[in-house]
Amino acid sequence: MAITSQHITGFAVGIGTSALGFYLYKKNQSKVDAFLQEHGIQISSVFEKDPKSMTLKELIIAKEELEDLIAEKEFDEKNAENTDKETKGKKKTQA
């Protein structure tokens, strides 16, 4: 299937629509985020706020997110170490 002018037009319209949507979101970001947060959807990161101005609930959410990130990093490091040990062990047995 060849790329036609309809494909190019659709791609350009998609890019333009995305850019317009992003522009409008950024222009009204605080209103949109407040509306979504009222409905239980948290869009903005808790790390964007000043910790002194955060509520207790927001601080707890930030703490949980940080703990999750720390656990992921520790898991990745342990897996990397285990992979390195396995690779070195295979090289020794092959030699």
PDB file of N, CA and C in Angstrom:
ATOM      1  N   MET A   1       0.839  -1.175   0.000  1.00  0.00           N
ATOM      2  CA  MET A   1       0.000   0.000   0.000  1.00  0.00           C
ATOM      3  C   MET A   1       0.886   1.240   0.000  1.00  0.00           C
ATOM      4  N   ALA A   2       0.688   2.086  -0.975  1.00  0.00           N
ATOM      5  CA  ALA A   2       1.477   3.299  -1.111  1.00  0.00           C
ATOM      6  C   ALA A   2       0.896   4.420  -0.248  1.00  0.00           C
ATOM      7  N   ILE A   3       1.759   5.328   0.114  1.00  0.00           N
ATOM      8  CA  ILE A   3       1.322   6.499   0.872  1.00  0.00           C
ATOM      9  C   ILE A   3       0.739   7.504  -0.116  1.00  0.00           C
ATOM     10  N   THR A   4      -0.501   7.906   0.163  1.00  0.00           N
ATOM     11  CA  THR A   4      -1.181   8.839  -0.737  1.00  0.00           C
ATOM     12  C   THR A   4      -1.275  10.213  -0.091  1.00  0.00           C
ATOM     13  N   SER A   5      -1.833  11.146  -0.870  1.00  0.00           N
ATOM     14  CA  SER A   5      -1.997  12.498  -0.337  1.00  0.00           C
ATOM     15  C   SER A   5      -2.994  12.512   0.824  1.00  0.00           C
ATOM     16  N   GLN A   6      -3.914  11.557   0.853  1.00  0.00           N
ATOM     17  CA  GLN A   6      -4.858  11.475   1.973  1.00  0.00           C
ATOM     18  C   GLN A   6      -4.148  11.098   3.275  1.00  0.00           C
ATOM     19  N   HIS A   7      -3.139  10.247   3.170  1.00  0.00           N
ATOM     20  CA  HIS A   7      -2.349   9.895   4.345  1.00  0.00           C
ATOM     21  C   HIS A   7      -1.622  11.123   4.885  1.00  0.00           C
ATOM     22  N   ILE A   8      -0.996  11.857   3.978  1.00  0.00           N
ATOM     23  CA  ILE A   8      -0.241  13.054   4.375  1.00  0.00           C
ATOM     24  C   ILE A   8      -1.185  14.089   4.987  1.00  0.00           C
ATOM     25  N   THR A   9      -2.346  14.285   4.374  1.00  0.00           N
ATOM     26  CA  THR A   9      -3.324  15.236   4.897  1.00  0.00           C
ATOM     27  C   THR A   9      -3.800  14.809   6.285  1.00  0.00           C
ATOM     28  N   GLY A  10      -4.102  13.537   6.462  1.00  0.00           N
ATOM     29  CA  GLY A  10      -4.535  13.030   7.768  1.00  0.00           C
ATOM     30  C   GLY A  10      -3.468  13.201   8.831  1.00  0.00           C
ATOM     31  N   PHE A  11      -2.224  12.939   8.452  1.00  0.00           N
ATOM     32  CA  PHE A  11      -1.105  13.114   9.381  1.00  0.00           C
ATOM     33  C   PHE A  11      -0.973  14.575   9.791  1.00  0.00           C
ATOM     34  N   ALA A  12      -1.036  15.480   8.825  1.00  0.00           N
ATOM     35  CA  ALA A  12      -0.906  16.918   9.112  1.00  0.00           C
ATOM     36  C   ALA A  12      -2.057  17.410   9.994  1.00  0.00           C
ATOM     37  N   VAL A  13      -3.271  16.961   9.697  1.00  0.00           N
ATOM     38  CA  VAL A  13      -4.422  17.358  10.521  1.00  0.00           C
ATOM     39  C   VAL A  13      -4.263  16.815  11.938  1.00  0.00           C
ATOM     40  N   GLY A  14      -3.776  15.589  12.069  1.00  0.00           N
ATOM     41  CA  GLY A  14      -3.550  14.998  13.399  1.00  0.00           C
ATOM     42  C   GLY A  14      -2.521  15.763  14.206  1.00  0.00           C
ATOM     43  N   ILE A  15      -1.425  16.143  13.563  1.00  0.00           N
ATOM     44  CA  ILE A  15      -0.391  16.928  14.242  1.00  0.00           C
ATOM     45  C   ILE A  15      -0.950  18.284  14.659  1.00  0.00           C
ATOM     46  N   GLY A  16      -1.686  18.929  13.761  1.00  0.00           N
ATOM     47  CA  GLY A  16      -2.272  20.237  14.074  1.00  0.00           C
ATOM     48  C   GLY A  16      -3.264  20.163  15.220  1.00  0.00           C
ATOM     49  N   THR A  17      -4.104  19.141  15.213  1.00  0.00           N
ATOM     50  CA  THR A  17      -5.085  18.961  16.280  1.00  0.00           C
ATOM     51  C   THR A  17      -4.393  18.691  17.614  1.00  0.00           C
ATOM     52  N   SER A  18      -3.362  17.888  17.582  1.00  0.00           N
ATOM     53  CA  SER A  18      -2.605  17.603  18.807  1.00  0.00           C
ATOM     54  C   SER A  18      -1.946  18.864  19.354  1.00  0.00           C
ATOM     55  N   ALA A  19      -1.356  19.647  18.479  1.00  0.00           N
ATOM     56  CA  ALA A  19      -0.709  20.887  18.904  1.00  0.00           C
ATOM     57  C   ALA A  19      -1.727  21.856  19.495  1.00  0.00           C
ATOM     58  N   LEU A  20      -2.888  21.973  18.847  1.00  0.00           N
ATOM     59  CA  LEU A  20      -3.934  22.851  19.363  1.00  0.00           C
ATOM     60  C   LEU A  20      -4.427  22.372  20.733  1.00  0.00           C
ATOM     61  N   GLY A  21      -4.644  21.076  20.875  1.00  0.00           N
ATOM     62  CA  GLY A  21      -5.078  20.522  22.153  1.00  0.00           C
ATOM     63  C   GLY A  21      -4.063  20.769  23.254  1.00  0.00           C
ATOM     64  N   PHE A  22      -2.778  20.583  22.949  1.00  0.00           N
ATOM     65  CA  PHE A  22      -1.726  20.827  23.934  1.00  0.00           C
ATOM     66  C   PHE A  22      -1.676  22.297  24.315  1.00  0.00           C
ATOM     67  N   TYR A  23      -1.795  23.186  23.321  1.00  0.00           N
ATOM     68  CA  TYR A  23      -1.782  24.623  23.590  1.00  0.00           C
ATOM     69  C   TYR A  23      -2.940  25.015  24.510  1.00  0.00           C
ATOM     70  N   LEU A  24      -4.133  24.521  24.187  1.00  0.00           N
ATOM     71  CA  LEU A  24      -5.303  24.857  25.004  1.00  0.00           C
ATOM     72  C   LEU A  24      -5.190  24.279  26.410  1.00  0.00           C
ATOM     73  N   TYR A  25      -4.625  23.080  26.520  1.00  0.00           N
ATOM     74  CA  TYR A  25      -4.430  22.486  27.848  1.00  0.00           C
ATOM     75  C   TYR A  25      -3.466  23.339  28.671  1.00  0.00           C
ATOM     76  N   LYS A  26      -2.327  23.704  28.080  1.00  0.00           N
ATOM     77  CA  LYS A  26      -1.340  24.493  28.816  1.00  0.00           C
ATOM     78  C   LYS A  26      -1.900  25.862  29.200  1.00  0.00           C
ATOM     79  N   LYS A  27      -2.721  26.439  28.335  1.00  0.00           N
ATOM     80  CA  LYS A  27      -3.307  27.747  28.610  1.00  0.00           C
ATOM     81  C   LYS A  27      -4.275  27.667  29.793  1.00  0.00           C
ATOM     82  N   ASN A  28      -4.989  26.559  29.923  1.00  0.00           N
ATOM     83  CA  ASN A  28      -5.993  26.384  30.978  1.00  0.00           C
ATOM     84  C   ASN A  28      -5.618  25.243  31.928  1.00  0.00           C
ATOM     85  N   GLN A  29      -4.341  25.003  32.115  1.00  0.00           N
ATOM     86  CA  GLN A  29      -3.880  23.843  32.860  1.00  0.00           C
ATOM     87  C   GLN A  29      -4.426  23.803  34.290  1.00  0.00           C
ATOM     88  N   SER A  30      -4.410  24.909  34.986  1.00  0.00           N
ATOM     89  CA  SER A  30      -4.877  24.887  36.375  1.00  0.00           C
ATOM     90  C   SER A  30      -6.366  24.555  36.454  1.00  0.00           C
ATOM     91  N   LYS A  31      -7.167  25.096  35.523  1.00  0.00           N
ATOM     92  CA  LYS A  31      -8.609  24.808  35.517  1.00  0.00           C
ATOM     93  C   LYS A  31      -8.877  23.348  35.179  1.00  0.00           C
ATOM     94  N   VAL A  32      -8.172  22.841  34.181  1.00  0.00           N
ATOM     95  CA  VAL A  32      -8.372  21.454  33.755  1.00  0.00           C
ATOM     96  C   VAL A  32      -7.939  20.496  34.859  1.00  0.00           C
ATOM     97  N   ASP A  33      -6.772  20.754  35.458  1.00  0.00           N
ATOM     98  CA  ASP A  33      -6.285  19.885  36.529  1.00  0.00           C
ATOM     99  C   ASP A  33      -7.223  19.901  37.729  1.00  0.00           C
ATOM    100  N   ALA A  34      -7.751  21.086  38.074  1.00  0.00           N
ATOM    101  CA  ALA A  34      -8.692  21.181  39.201  1.00  0.00           C
ATOM    102  C   ALA A  34      -9.966  20.399  38.902  1.00  0.00           C
ATOM    103  N   PHE A  35     -10.480  20.524  37.685  1.00  0.00           N
ATOM    104  CA  PHE A  35     -11.685  19.795  37.290  1.00  0.00           C
ATOM    105  C   PHE A  35     -11.462  18.289  37.372  1.00  0.00           C
ATOM    106  N   LEU A  36     -10.346  17.825  36.834  1.00  0.00           N
ATOM    107  CA  LEU A  36     -10.060  16.396  36.848  1.00  0.00           C
ATOM    108  C   LEU A  36      -9.820  15.884  38.264  1.00  0.00           C
ATOM    109  N   GLN A  37      -9.153  16.698  39.092  1.00  0.00           N
ATOM    110  CA  GLN A  37      -8.896  16.266  40.463  1.00  0.00           C
ATOM    111  C   GLN A  37     -10.202  16.160  41.250  1.00  0.00           C
ATOM    112  N   GLU A  38     -11.170  17.045  40.954  1.00  0.00           N
ATOM    113  CA  GLU A  38     -12.478  16.955  41.599  1.00  0.00           C
ATOM    114  C   GLU A  38     -13.171  15.630  41.265  1.00  0.00           C
ATOM    115  N   HIS A  39     -12.842  15.081  40.117  1.00  0.00           N
ATOM    116  CA  HIS A  39     -13.455  13.831  39.678  1.00  0.00           C
ATOM    117  C   HIS A  39     -12.559  12.622  39.939  1.00  0.00           C
ATOM    118  N   GLY A  40     -11.531  12.794  40.777  1.00  0.00           N
ATOM    119  CA  GLY A  40     -10.688  11.678  41.199  1.00  0.00           C
ATOM    120  C   GLY A  40      -9.546  11.332  40.279  1.00  0.00           C
ATOM    121  N   ILE A  41      -9.231  12.178  39.331  1.00  0.00           N
ATOM    122  CA  ILE A  41      -8.135  11.917  38.402  1.00  0.00           C
ATOM    123  C   ILE A  41      -7.028  12.923  38.678  1.00  0.00           C
ATOM    124  N   GLN A  42      -5.854  12.419  39.077  1.00  0.00           N
ATOM    125  CA  GLN A  42      -4.749  13.320  39.377  1.00  0.00           C
ATOM    126  C   GLN A  42      -3.803  13.352  38.179  1.00  0.00           C
ATOM    127  N   ILE A  43      -3.746  14.509  37.530  1.00  0.00           N
ATOM    128  CA  ILE A  43      -2.916  14.665  36.342  1.00  0.00           C
ATOM    129  C   ILE A  43      -1.549  15.222  36.705  1.00  0.00           C
ATOM    130  N   SER A  44      -1.518  16.332  37.415  1.00  0.00           N
ATOM    131  CA  SER A  44      -0.243  16.958  37.733  1.00  0.00           C
ATOM    132  C   SER A  44       0.491  16.128  38.772  1.00  0.00           C
ATOM    133  N   SER A  45       1.790  16.128  38.665  1.00  0.00           N
ATOM    134  CA  SER A  45       2.615  15.365  39.580  1.00  0.00           C
ATOM    135  C   SER A  45       2.685  16.070  40.923  1.00  0.00           C
ATOM    136  N   VAL A  46       2.741  15.279  41.979  1.00  0.00           N
ATOM    137  CA  VAL A  46       2.852  15.871  43.306  1.00  0.00           C
ATOM    138  C   VAL A  46       4.223  16.510  43.507  1.00  0.00           C
ATOM    139  N   PHE A  47       5.182  16.183  42.643  1.00  0.00           N
ATOM    140  CA  PHE A  47       6.513  16.737  42.770  1.00  0.00           C
ATOM    141  C   PHE A  47       6.606  18.160  42.224  1.00  0.00           C
ATOM    142  N   GLU A  48       5.573  18.632  41.532  1.00  0.00           N
ATOM    143  CA  GLU A  48       5.573  19.975  40.971  1.00  0.00           C
ATOM    144  C   GLU A  48       5.224  21.038  42.009  1.00  0.00           C
ATOM    145  N   LYS A  49       4.637  20.625  43.127  1.00  0.00           N
ATOM    146  CA  LYS A  49       4.176  21.569  44.127  1.00  0.00           C
ATOM    147  C   LYS A  49       5.234  21.802  45.195  1.00  0.00           C
ATOM    148  N   ASP A  50       5.094  22.937  45.877  1.00  0.00           N
ATOM    149  CA  ASP A  50       5.939  23.242  47.015  1.00  0.00           C
ATOM    150  C   ASP A  50       5.471  22.387  48.188  1.00  0.00           C
ATOM    151  N   PRO A  51       6.346  21.586  48.789  1.00  0.00           N
ATOM    152  CA  PRO A  51       5.913  20.701  49.869  1.00  0.00           C
ATOM    153  C   PRO A  51       5.250  21.425  51.046  1.00  0.00           C
ATOM    154  N   LYS A  52       5.640  22.665  51.287  1.00  0.00           N
ATOM    155  CA  LYS A  52       5.061  23.394  52.423  1.00  0.00           C
ATOM    156  C   LYS A  52       3.614  23.789  52.171  1.00  0.00           C
ATOM    157  N   SER A  53       3.222  23.865  50.907  1.00  0.00           N
ATOM    158  CA  SER A  53       1.850  24.259  50.594  1.00  0.00           C
ATOM    159  C   SER A  53       0.937  23.062  50.349  1.00  0.00           C
ATOM    160  N   MET A  54       1.494  21.848  50.453  1.00  0.00           N
ATOM    161  CA  MET A  54       0.721  20.644  50.166  1.00  0.00           C
ATOM    162  C   MET A  54      -0.109  20.232  51.380  1.00  0.00           C
ATOM    163  N   THR A  55      -1.252  19.613  51.107  1.00  0.00           N
ATOM    164  CA  THR A  55      -2.075  19.069  52.178  1.00  0.00           C
ATOM    165  C   THR A  55      -1.468  17.760  52.658  1.00  0.00           C
ATOM    166  N   LEU A  56      -1.976  17.275  53.787  1.00  0.00           N
ATOM    167  CA  LEU A  56      -1.473  16.013  54.314  1.00  0.00           C
ATOM    168  C   LEU A  56      -1.688  14.880  53.325  1.00  0.00           C
ATOM    169  N   LYS A  57      -2.856  14.868  52.669  1.00  0.00           N
ATOM    170  CA  LYS A  57      -3.158  13.820  51.690  1.00  0.00           C
ATOM    171  C   LYS A  57      -2.169  13.869  50.524  1.00  0.00           C
ATOM    172  N   GLU A  58      -1.865  15.073  50.040  1.00  0.00           N
ATOM    173  CA  GLU A  58      -0.913  15.214  48.930  1.00  0.00           C
ATOM    174  C   GLU A  58       0.482  14.776  49.354  1.00  0.00           C
ATOM    175  N   LEU A  59       0.870  15.082  50.600  1.00  0.00           N
ATOM    176  CA  LEU A  59       2.180  14.654  51.090  1.00  0.00           C
ATOM    177  C   LEU A  59       2.271  13.133  51.186  1.00  0.00           C
ATOM    178  N   ILE A  60       1.204  12.497  51.630  1.00  0.00           N
ATOM    179  CA  ILE A  60       1.192  11.036  51.724  1.00  0.00           C
ATOM    180  C   ILE A  60       1.290  10.411  50.338  1.00  0.00           C
ATOM    181  N   ILE A  61       0.582  10.982  49.365  1.00  0.00           N
ATOM    182  CA  ILE A  61       0.651  10.474  47.989  1.00  0.00           C
ATOM    183  C   ILE A  61       2.070  10.625  47.444  1.00  0.00           C
ATOM    184  N   ALA A  62       2.706  11.781  47.713  1.00  0.00           N
ATOM    185  CA  ALA A  62       4.078  12.011  47.252  1.00  0.00           C
ATOM    186  C   ALA A  62       5.027  10.999  47.891  1.00  0.00           C
ATOM    187  N   LYS A  63       4.823  10.747  49.194  1.00  0.00           N
ATOM    188  CA  LYS A  63       5.663   9.780  49.897  1.00  0.00           C
ATOM    189  C   LYS A  63       5.526   8.395  49.282  1.00  0.00           C
ATOM    190  N   GLU A  64       4.295   7.987  48.971  1.00  0.00           N
ATOM    191  CA  GLU A  64       4.069   6.668  48.379  1.00  0.00           C
ATOM    192  C   GLU A  64       4.702   6.567  47.001  1.00  0.00           C
ATOM    193  N   GLU A  65       4.600   7.640  46.218  1.00  0.00           N
ATOM    194  CA  GLU A  65       5.221   7.625  44.891  1.00  0.00           C
ATOM    195  C   GLU A  65       6.737   7.522  45.001  1.00  0.00           C
ATOM    196  N   LEU A  66       7.323   8.245  45.953  1.00  0.00           N
ATOM    197  CA  LEU A  66       8.771   8.164  46.147  1.00  0.00           C
ATOM    198  C   LEU A  66       9.189   6.762  46.600  1.00  0.00           C
ATOM    199  N   GLU A  67       8.423   6.172  47.508  1.00  0.00           N
ATOM    200  CA  GLU A  67       8.739   4.819  47.951  1.00  0.00           C
ATOM    201  C   GLU A  67       8.656   3.821  46.794  1.00  0.00           C
ATOM    202  N   ASP A  68       7.676   3.991  45.922  1.00  0.00           N
ATOM    203  CA  ASP A  68       7.558   3.117  44.753  1.00  0.00           C
ATOM    204  C   ASP A  68       8.751   3.285  43.829  1.00  0.00           C
ATOM    205  N   LEU A  69       9.172   4.530  43.603  1.00  0.00           N
ATOM    206  CA  LEU A  69      10.334   4.774  42.741  1.00  0.00           C
ATOM    207  C   LEU A  69      11.601   4.170  43.330  1.00  0.00           C
ATOM    208  N   ILE A  70      11.766   4.312  44.647  1.00  0.00           N
ATOM    209  CA  ILE A  70      12.944   3.744  45.305  1.00  0.00           C
ATOM    210  C   ILE A  70      12.951   2.227  45.166  1.00  0.00           C
ATOM    211  N   ALA A  71      11.805   1.602  45.390  1.00  0.00           N
ATOM    212  CA  ALA A  71      11.715   0.143  45.274  1.00  0.00           C
ATOM    213  C   ALA A  71      12.031  -0.313  43.850  1.00  0.00           C
ATOM    214  N   GLU A  72      11.537   0.403  42.856  1.00  0.00           N
ATOM    215  CA  GLU A  72      11.824   0.048  41.463  1.00  0.00           C
ATOM    216  C   GLU A  72      13.310   0.158  41.164  1.00  0.00           C
ATOM    217  N   LYS A  73      13.940   1.239  41.632  1.00  0.00           N
ATOM    218  CA  LYS A  73      15.378   1.418  41.392  1.00  0.00           C
ATOM    219  C   LYS A  73      16.183   0.305  42.061  1.00  0.00           C
ATOM    220  N   GLU A  74      15.833  -0.034  43.310  1.00  0.00           N
ATOM    221  CA  GLU A  74      16.546  -1.098  44.009  1.00  0.00           C
ATOM    222  C   GLU A  74      16.375  -2.428  43.285  1.00  0.00           C
ATOM    223  N   PHE A  75      15.163  -2.701  42.812  1.00  0.00           N
ATOM    224  CA  PHE A  75      14.893  -3.941  42.077  1.00  0.00           C
ATOM    225  C   PHE A  75      15.720  -3.990  40.794  1.00  0.00           C
ATOM    226  N   ASP A  76      15.754  -2.878  40.062  1.00  0.00           N
ATOM    227  CA  ASP A  76      16.524  -2.822  38.816  1.00  0.00           C
ATOM    228  C   ASP A  76      18.014  -3.034  39.069  1.00  0.00           C
ATOM    229  N   GLU A  77      18.532  -2.435  40.142  1.00  0.00           N
ATOM    230  CA  GLU A  77      19.950  -2.597  40.457  1.00  0.00           C
ATOM    231  C   GLU A  77      20.275  -4.045  40.816  1.00  0.00           C
ATOM    232  N   LYS A  78      19.394  -4.684  41.601  1.00  0.00           N
ATOM    233  CA  LYS A  78      19.626  -6.090  41.973  1.00  0.00           C
ATOM    234  C   LYS A  78      19.584  -6.978  40.736  1.00  0.00           C
ATOM    235  N   ASN A  79      18.644  -6.714  39.838  1.00  0.00           N
ATOM    236  CA  ASN A  79      18.568  -7.507  38.610  1.00  0.00           C
ATOM    237  C   ASN A  79      19.800  -7.302  37.746  1.00  0.00           C
ATOM    238  N   ALA A  80      20.290  -6.063  37.684  1.00  0.00           N
ATOM    239  CA  ALA A  80      21.493  -5.784  36.894  1.00  0.00           C
ATOM    240  C   ALA A  80      22.695  -6.516  37.484  1.00  0.00           C
ATOM    241  N   GLU A  81      22.807  -6.533  38.808  1.00  0.00           N
ATOM    242  CA  GLU A  81      23.911  -7.237  39.453  1.00  0.00           C
ATOM    243  C   GLU A  81      23.819  -8.742  39.197  1.00  0.00           C
ATOM    244  N   ASN A  82      22.618  -9.302  39.311  1.00  0.00           N
ATOM    245  CA  ASN A  82      22.434 -10.736  39.071  1.00  0.00           C
ATOM    246  C   ASN A  82      22.747 -11.097  37.623  1.00  0.00           C
ATOM    247  N   THR A  83      22.367 -10.241  36.690  1.00  0.00           N
ATOM    248  CA  THR A  83      22.640 -10.479  35.276  1.00  0.00           C
ATOM    249  C   THR A  83      24.138 -10.451  35.023  1.00  0.00           C
ATOM    250  N   ASP A  84      24.837  -9.488  35.658  1.00  0.00           N
ATOM    251  CA  ASP A  84      26.295  -9.411  35.499  1.00  0.00           C
ATOM    252  C   ASP A  84      26.974 -10.659  36.053  1.00  0.00           C
ATOM    253  N   LYS A  85      26.518 -11.133  37.210  1.00  0.00           N
ATOM    254  CA  LYS A  85      27.113 -12.331  37.809  1.00  0.00           C
ATOM    255  C   LYS A  85      26.875 -13.553  36.932  1.00  0.00           C
ATOM    256  N   GLU A  86      25.658 -13.671  36.377  1.00  0.00           N
ATOM    257  CA  GLU A  86      25.342 -14.803  35.511  1.00  0.00           C
ATOM    258  C   GLU A  86      26.181 -14.766  34.243  1.00  0.00           C
ATOM    259  N   THR A  87      26.361 -13.583  33.680  1.00  0.00           N
ATOM    260  CA  THR A  87      27.153 -13.438  32.469  1.00  0.00           C
ATOM    261  C   THR A  87      28.611 -13.822  32.723  1.00  0.00           C
ATOM    262  N   LYS A  88      29.156 -13.370  33.855  1.00  0.00           N
ATOM    263  CA  LYS A  88      30.542 -13.710  34.189  1.00  0.00           C
ATOM    264  C   LYS A  88      30.683 -15.201  34.454  1.00  0.00           C
ATOM    265  N   GLY A  89      29.678 -15.794  35.093  1.00  0.00           N
ATOM    266  CA  GLY A  89      29.719 -17.228  35.379  1.00  0.00           C
ATOM    267  C   GLY A  89      29.693 -18.060  34.116  1.00  0.00           C
ATOM    268  N   LYS A  90      28.920 -17.659  33.135  1.00  0.00           N
ATOM    269  CA  LYS A  90      28.832 -18.371  31.852  1.00  0.00           C
ATOM    270  C   LYS A  90      30.144 -18.268  31.107  1.00  0.00           C
ATOM    271  N   LYS A  91      30.796 -17.100  31.172  1.00  0.00           N
ATOM    272  CA  LYS A  91      32.081 -16.924  30.476  1.00  0.00           C
ATOM    273  C   LYS A  91      33.142 -17.818  31.075  1.00  0.00           C
ATOM    274  N   LYS A  92      33.124 -17.985  32.421  1.00  0.00           N
ATOM    275  CA  LYS A  92      34.122 -18.833  33.061  1.00  0.00           C
ATOM    276  C   LYS A  92      33.914 -20.294  32.704  1.00  0.00           C
ATOM    277  N   THR A  93      32.664 -20.725  32.622  1.00  0.00           N
ATOM    278  CA  THR A  93      32.400 -22.129  32.287  1.00  0.00           C
ATOM    279  C   THR A  93      32.705 -22.430  30.834  1.00  0.00           C
ATOM    280  N   GLN A  94      32.602 -21.439  29.958  1.00  0.00           N
ATOM    281  CA  GLN A  94      32.892 -21.654  28.552  1.00  0.00           C
ATOM    282  C   GLN A  94      34.390 -21.684  28.288  1.00  0.00           C
ATOM    283  N   ALA A  95      35.179 -21.050  29.134  1.00  0.00           N
ATOM    284  CA  ALA A  95      36.615 -20.963  28.911  1.00  0.00           C
ATOM    285  C   ALA A  95      37.369 -22.202  29.274  1.00  0.00           C
TER     286      ALA A  95
END
